[in-house]
C-alpha atoms as a PDB file:
ATOM      1  CA  MET A   1       0.026   0.684  -0.089  1.00  0.00           C
ATOM      2  CA  PRO A   2       2.951   2.324   0.635  1.00  0.00           C
ATOM      3  CA  VAL A   3       3.586   2.476  -3.048  1.00  0.00           C
ATOM      4  CA  ILE A   4       0.201   2.671  -4.518  1.00  0.00           C
ATOM      5  CA  ASP A   5      -0.413   5.543  -1.704  1.00  0.00           C
ATOM      6  CA  ALA A   6       2.932   7.304  -2.990  1.00  0.00           C
ATOM      7  CA  VAL A   7       1.740   7.047  -6.985  1.00  0.00           C
ATOM      8  CA  ALA A   8      -1.868   7.087  -6.260  1.00  0.00           C
ATOM      9  CA  SER A   9      -1.726  10.907  -6.856  1.00  0.00           C
ATOM     10  CA  ASP A  10       0.337  10.943 -10.467  1.00  0.00           C
ATOM     11  CA  TYR A  11      -2.383   8.647 -11.752  1.00  0.00           C
ATOM     12  CA  GLN A  12      -6.103   9.915 -10.156  1.00  0.00           C
ATOM     13  CA  ASP A  13      -7.531  11.202 -13.583  1.00  0.00           C
ATOM     14  CA  ALA A  14      -6.957   8.092 -15.198  1.00  0.00           C
ATOM     15  CA  VAL A  15      -7.811   5.469 -12.689  1.00  0.00           C
ATOM     16  CA  THR A  16      -9.695   4.680  -9.403  1.00  0.00           C
ATOM     17  CA  PHE A  17      -7.522   3.266  -6.494  1.00  0.00           C
ATOM     18  CA  LEU A  18      -9.616   0.987  -4.753  1.00  0.00           C
ATOM     19  CA  ALA A  19      -8.347  -1.043  -1.130  1.00  0.00           C
ATOM     20  CA  VAL A  20     -10.604  -3.789  -0.620  1.00  0.00           C
ATOM     21  CA  ALA A  21     -10.127  -4.943   2.858  1.00  0.00           C
ATOM     22  CA  GLY A  22     -11.130  -8.270   3.331  1.00  0.00           C
ATOM     23  CA  ARG A  23     -11.008 -11.855   5.798  1.00  0.00           C
ATOM     24  CA  SER A  24     -10.667  -9.437   8.538  1.00  0.00           C
ATOM     25  CA  THR A  25     -13.467  -7.051  10.377  1.00  0.00           C
ATOM     26  CA  PRO A  26     -14.546  -3.391   8.848  1.00  0.00           C
ATOM     27  CA  GLU A  27     -13.630  -2.147  12.112  1.00  0.00           C
ATOM     28  CA  ALA A  28      -9.863  -3.871  12.454  1.00  0.00           C
ATOM     29  CA  SER A  29      -9.289  -2.692   8.400  1.00  0.00           C
ATOM     30  CA  ALA A  30     -11.172   0.835   9.172  1.00  0.00           C
ATOM     31  CA  ALA A  31      -8.268   1.089  11.603  1.00  0.00           C
ATOM     32  CA  ARG A  32      -5.958   1.373   8.941  1.00  0.00           C
ATOM     33  CA  VAL A  33      -7.287   3.817   6.833  1.00  0.00           C
ATOM     34  CA  GLY A  34      -4.972   6.879   6.876  1.00  0.00           C
ATOM     35  CA  VAL A  35      -2.117   4.800   8.197  1.00  0.00           C
ATOM     36  CA  TRP A  36      -1.314   2.637   5.138  1.00  0.00           C
ATOM     37  CA  PHE A  37      -2.445   5.278   2.720  1.00  0.00           C
ATOM     38  CA  SER A  38      -4.362   8.126   2.269  1.00  0.00           C
ATOM     39  CA  PRO A  39      -7.922   8.219   1.954  1.00  0.00           C
ATOM     40  CA  ASP A  40      -7.601  11.355  -0.105  1.00  0.00           C
ATOM     41  CA  ARG A  41      -6.149   9.606  -2.981  1.00  0.00           C
ATOM     42  CA  VAL A  42      -7.282   5.671  -2.593  1.00  0.00           C
ATOM     43  CA  LEU A  43     -11.041   4.983  -1.737  1.00  0.00           C
ATOM     44  CA  TRP A  44     -11.622   2.126   0.547  1.00  0.00           C
ATOM     45  CA  GLY A  45     -14.158  -0.765   1.406  1.00  0.00           C
ATOM     46  CA  TYR A  46     -14.739  -4.436   2.765  1.00  0.00           C
ATOM     47  CA  SER A  47     -15.465  -6.758   0.895  1.00  0.00           C
ATOM     48  CA  ASP A  48     -15.630 -10.876   1.067  1.00  0.00           C
ATOM     49  CA  GLU A  49     -17.279 -10.924  -2.174  1.00  0.00           C
ATOM     50  CA  ILE A  50     -14.958  -9.033  -4.238  1.00  0.00           C
ATOM     51  CA  TRP A  51     -12.186 -10.968  -3.084  1.00  0.00           C
ATOM     52  CA  ASP A  52     -13.864 -14.008  -4.085  1.00  0.00           C
ATOM     53  CA  LEU A  53     -14.598 -12.651  -7.418  1.00  0.00           C
ATOM     54  CA  TYR A  54     -11.039 -11.877  -8.258  1.00  0.00           C
ATOM     55  CA  ALA A  55      -9.875 -15.169  -6.190  1.00  0.00           C
ATOM     56  CA  VAL A  56      -7.900 -12.907  -3.769  1.00  0.00           C
ATOM     57  CA  PRO A  57      -6.258 -15.955  -1.392  1.00  0.00           C
ATOM     58  CA  TYR A  58      -4.230 -13.520   1.041  1.00  0.00           C
ATOM     59  CA  GLN A  59      -3.055 -10.272   1.815  1.00  0.00           C
ATOM     60  CA  PRO A  60      -1.404  -8.217   0.077  1.00  0.00           C
ATOM     61  CA  VAL A  61      -2.392  -8.698  -3.464  1.00  0.00           C
ATOM     62  CA  SER A  62      -2.972  -6.318  -6.216  1.00  0.00           C
ATOM     63  CA  VAL A  63      -5.480  -6.633  -9.300  1.00  0.00           C
ATOM     64  CA  LEU A  64      -5.666  -3.882 -12.096  1.00  0.00           C
ATOM     65  CA  ILE A  65      -8.904  -3.904 -13.690  1.00  0.00           C
ATOM     66  CA  THR A  66     -10.065  -1.885 -17.080  1.00  0.00           C
ATOM     67  CA  SER A  67     -13.508   0.475 -16.296  1.00  0.00           C
ATOM     68  CA  ASP A  68     -15.435  -2.482 -18.468  1.00  0.00           C
ATOM     69  CA  GLY A  69     -14.030  -5.026 -15.930  1.00  0.00           C
ATOM     70  CA  TYR A  70     -11.266  -6.606 -17.871  1.00  0.00           C
ATOM     71  CA  GLU A  71      -8.569  -7.744 -15.589  1.00  0.00           C
ATOM     72  CA  VAL A  72      -5.249  -6.474 -17.089  1.00  0.00           C
ATOM     73  CA  ASN A  73      -2.437  -7.712 -14.403  1.00  0.00           C
ATOM     74  CA  ARG A  74      -2.310  -8.871 -10.802  1.00  0.00           C
ATOM     75  CA  TRP A  75       0.518  -9.650  -8.343  1.00  0.00           C
ATOM     76  CA  PHE A  76       0.498 -11.025  -5.013  1.00  0.00           C
ATOM     77  CA  GLY A  77       3.074  -8.675  -2.660  1.00  0.00           C
ATOM     78  CA  GLU A  78       5.048  -5.645  -3.301  1.00  0.00           C
ATOM     79  CA  ALA A  79       5.713  -4.329  -6.457  1.00  0.00           C
ATOM     80  CA  SER A  80       8.623  -1.311  -6.902  1.00  0.00           C
ATOM     81  CA  GLU A  81       7.361   2.210  -7.894  1.00  0.00           C
ATOM     82  CA  GLU A  82       8.722   1.329 -11.125  1.00  0.00           C
ATOM     83  CA  ASP A  83       6.774  -1.306 -12.329  1.00  0.00           C
ATOM     84  CA  LEU A  84       3.761  -0.291 -10.672  1.00  0.00           C
ATOM     85  CA  ARG A  85       3.920   2.918 -12.714  1.00  0.00           C
ATOM     86  CA  ALA A  86       4.497   0.421 -15.697  1.00  0.00           C
ATOM     87  CA  ALA A  87       1.336  -1.096 -14.956  1.00  0.00           C
ATOM     88  CA  LEU A  88      -0.493   1.328 -14.024  1.00  0.00           C
ATOM     89  CA  ASP A  89       0.307   3.339 -17.956  1.00  0.00           C
ATOM     90  CA  GLU A  90      -0.782   0.089 -19.443  1.00  0.00           C
ATOM     91  CA  LEU A  91      -3.624   0.250 -17.581  1.00  0.00           C
ATOM     92  CA  ALA A  92      -4.218   4.090 -18.211  1.00  0.00           C
ATOM     93  CA  ALA A  93      -3.902   2.909 -22.147  1.00  0.00           C
ATOM     94  CA  TYR A  94      -6.710   0.419 -21.810  1.00  0.00           C
ATOM     95  CA  GLY A  95      -9.006   3.402 -20.499  1.00  0.00           C
END
């Protein structure tokens, strides 16, 4: 999340950032908002259903999805800022 939070402001005109917590409790997850990322740059929600929909087995997992639901990229664990920017450029190109 720190790398995503760091680059989110550079892509806000082209990409919506959403952190989806799950497999915990909404209260425990809400306590981390503002610590791991800025809610001004990254939207937040809690949904085990979204985890199931995208087959997310554990945290951290990042899934890049186009506005029409096509999965462009996914990775487990942290990505470097360089790799994240390359993936976001690809996502922005899809629209």
